[in-house]
Each structure stands twice: as C-alpha cells, then as structure tokens.
Amino acid sequence: MSRFDELFAAASAARENAHTRYSGFRVGAALVTRDGRIFAGCNVENASFPEGWCAETSALGAMVSAGGRPGDVIEVLVTAKAALCTPCGGCRQRLAEFAGDDVPVHICDDAGLRRTLTMAELLPARFVLKDEERDV
C-alpha cells in the first residue's frame, strides 16, 4: 500500500468517528512524520460555537502527544465526503508550526485525490517565530 493510500485510509477512518451533531459535516485528516508514523484525527463539534476543533488539529494533537515536534510533518491529507475541504486559516497556521513550506497537503473526497497544494501555497505569508526573534 502506498503512503498516500495509508494516509487516505487513516483519514477516512478517522472521519467516520467525527462528532458533527450540529453541522453534519465530517472531516478526517492524517499526517505522516519523518520517522514514518501516521497520525489521524477528525473534527469535533460542541454547542459552544466555535469551541470545537478541526480534523487537522486533532491529528496534530495526537502527533504532539506522541512526541512530535516542529519540522516533523512531511505530508498531510484532508478528506470530506463530497466536498473540496481545504484546511481553515487556523489549521493552516497550526500545520505551519510543524510542516515546512514544501510539505504537500492532499485534498480528497470519497473518490480520492482532488488537489494537492504545498504549505506555501496554502499559507503564503505565514508567521513563524524564530528563536532569535523572541523577546525572552
């Protein structure tokens, strides 16, 4: 099975677990790290909009909980059932903390790949705080 197929399967399986009581719009995401580990997540809604979280955030949380660090993400896949669903602005910034400009982000639906963009294309003027720029 190709890495893309593994990511697609992981994101699709996670999407089935999404808690979308309010919108009914399920999203799954999966990412792979430099050491080959795959982390998946789904969106989780709650009654206190906008306090839910996106699938990409869930996947990143799983990765960080397992010891993932900035620069570890080398590929991302996001899938929704029938819609072209790119990461929201907040997720783009969160992904930028852990993925370089050239990291591919695959946007899929149930039929498979619809489009691939790089992080630089998704967030061209991203903010990255470098150690030498910190005030403390």
Protein backbone atom coordinates (compact mmCIF):
# COMPACT_ATOMS: atom_id res chain seq x y z
CA MET A 1 0.00 0.00 0.00
CA SER A 2 1.41 3.42 -0.93
CA ARG A 3 1.88 6.12 1.69
CA PHE A 4 -0.89 8.14 0.04
CA ASP A 5 -3.23 5.14 0.34
CA GLU A 6 -2.28 4.71 4.00
CA LEU A 7 -2.97 8.40 4.70
CA PHE A 8 -6.26 8.26 2.81
CA ALA A 9 -7.37 5.15 4.74
CA ALA A 10 -6.38 6.66 8.10
CA ALA A 11 -8.10 9.98 7.41
CA SER A 12 -11.23 8.28 6.07
CA ALA A 13 -11.45 6.01 9.13
CA ALA A 14 -10.99 8.97 11.48
CA ARG A 15 -13.67 10.91 9.60
CA GLU A 16 -16.18 8.20 10.45
CA ASN A 17 -15.63 8.99 14.15
CA ALA A 18 -16.25 12.73 13.77
CA HIS A 19 -18.68 14.32 16.22
CA THR A 20 -20.73 16.59 13.97
CA ARG A 21 -24.01 16.83 15.80
CA TYR A 22 -24.59 20.41 14.66
CA SER A 23 -23.31 20.67 11.08
CA GLY A 24 -23.32 17.05 9.94
CA PHE A 25 -20.10 17.85 8.02
CA ARG A 26 -17.49 15.19 8.80
CA VAL A 27 -13.81 15.77 8.07
CA GLY A 28 -10.84 13.47 8.56
CA ALA A 29 -7.15 14.32 8.42
CA ALA A 30 -3.95 12.31 8.56
CA LEU A 31 -0.31 13.30 8.57
CA VAL A 32 2.94 11.43 8.37
CA THR A 33 6.12 12.29 10.24
CA ARG A 34 9.77 11.99 9.25
CA ASP A 35 10.02 8.68 11.09
CA GLY A 36 7.06 7.24 9.16
CA ARG A 37 4.39 7.41 11.86
CA ILE A 38 0.87 8.29 10.74
CA PHE A 39 -1.47 10.29 12.97
CA ALA A 40 -5.13 10.83 12.16
CA GLY A 41 -7.89 13.00 13.55
CA CYS A 42 -11.47 14.07 13.00
CA ASN A 43 -13.47 17.21 13.64
CA VAL A 44 -15.30 17.50 16.97
CA GLU A 45 -18.14 19.99 17.40
CA ASN A 46 -19.90 21.19 20.52
CA ALA A 47 -22.78 23.51 21.35
CA SER A 48 -20.46 26.38 22.24
CA PHE A 49 -19.50 27.52 18.74
CA PRO A 50 -16.67 27.96 17.79
CA GLU A 51 -15.11 25.91 20.56
CA GLY A 52 -14.95 22.66 18.59
CA TRP A 53 -11.83 21.66 16.74
CA CYS A 54 -10.91 20.61 13.24
CA ALA A 55 -9.62 17.27 11.99
CA GLU A 56 -6.17 18.73 11.29
CA THR A 57 -5.95 19.99 14.88
CA SER A 58 -6.92 16.54 16.19
CA ALA A 59 -4.21 14.88 14.08
CA LEU A 60 -1.60 17.41 15.22
CA GLY A 61 -2.65 16.90 18.85
CA ALA A 62 -2.17 13.15 18.51
CA MET A 63 1.26 13.69 16.96
CA VAL A 64 2.42 16.14 19.62
CA SER A 65 1.07 13.87 22.39
CA ALA A 66 3.26 11.10 20.94
CA GLY A 67 6.35 13.32 20.99
CA GLY A 68 6.12 15.03 17.59
CA ARG A 69 7.97 18.31 17.19
CA PRO A 70 8.16 21.24 14.74
CA GLY A 71 9.51 20.12 11.39
CA ASP A 72 8.31 16.52 11.82
CA VAL A 73 5.34 16.64 9.41
CA ILE A 74 6.27 15.66 5.84
CA GLU A 75 2.84 15.07 4.28
CA VAL A 76 -0.81 15.89 5.11
CA LEU A 77 -4.13 14.60 3.76
CA VAL A 78 -7.59 16.04 4.43
CA THR A 79 -10.82 14.38 3.33
CA ALA A 80 -14.52 15.19 3.42
CA LYS A 81 -17.24 13.02 1.91
CA ALA A 82 -18.11 15.01 -1.20
CA ALA A 83 -16.67 18.49 -0.77
CA LEU A 84 -13.32 20.05 -1.55
CA CYS A 85 -12.32 20.94 2.01
CA THR A 86 -9.03 22.75 2.49
CA PRO A 87 -7.72 23.46 6.00
CA CYS A 88 -9.19 26.57 7.61
CA GLY A 89 -6.93 29.53 8.37
CA GLY A 90 -6.31 28.46 11.96
CA CYS A 91 -5.35 24.94 10.90
CA ARG A 92 -3.08 26.30 8.20
CA GLN A 93 -1.16 28.23 10.86
CA ARG A 94 -1.11 25.24 13.22
CA LEU A 95 0.19 22.99 10.43
CA ALA A 96 2.82 25.63 9.60
CA GLU A 97 4.28 25.14 13.10
CA PHE A 98 5.13 21.54 12.23
CA ALA A 99 5.45 21.41 8.42
CA GLY A 100 7.83 23.18 6.05
CA ASP A 101 6.82 25.27 3.04
CA ASP A 102 7.28 22.37 0.61
CA VAL A 103 5.12 19.85 2.52
CA PRO A 104 2.29 18.56 0.30
CA VAL A 105 -1.30 18.82 1.54
CA HIS A 106 -3.64 16.48 -0.33
CA ILE A 107 -7.30 17.48 -0.52
CA CYS A 108 -9.60 14.49 -1.10
CA ASP A 109 -13.20 13.38 -1.22
CA ASP A 110 -14.59 9.84 -1.21
CA ALA A 111 -13.45 9.35 -4.81
CA GLY A 112 -9.86 10.12 -3.82
CA LEU A 113 -7.40 12.90 -4.61
CA ARG A 114 -8.88 16.15 -5.86
CA ARG A 115 -5.96 18.54 -5.46
CA THR A 116 -2.51 18.81 -3.89
CA LEU A 117 -1.13 22.10 -2.60
CA THR A 118 2.04 22.88 -0.68
CA MET A 119 2.03 24.57 2.70
CA ALA A 120 3.50 27.66 0.98
CA GLU A 121 0.52 27.73 -1.39
CA LEU A 122 -1.97 27.31 1.46
CA LEU A 123 -0.34 29.93 3.68
CA PRO A 124 1.98 32.09 1.56
CA ALA A 125 2.78 34.74 4.16
CA ARG A 126 2.79 32.53 7.22
CA PHE A 127 4.09 33.76 10.54
CA VAL A 128 6.92 31.73 12.03
CA LEU A 129 8.58 32.94 15.22
CA LYS A 130 12.30 32.14 15.05
CA ASP A 131 14.27 31.60 18.25
CA GLU A 132 16.47 34.64 17.56
CA GLU A 133 13.36 36.84 17.27
CA ARG A 134 11.97 36.05 20.71
CA ASP A 135 11.83 38.81 23.29
CA VAL A 136 12.59 36.43 26.15
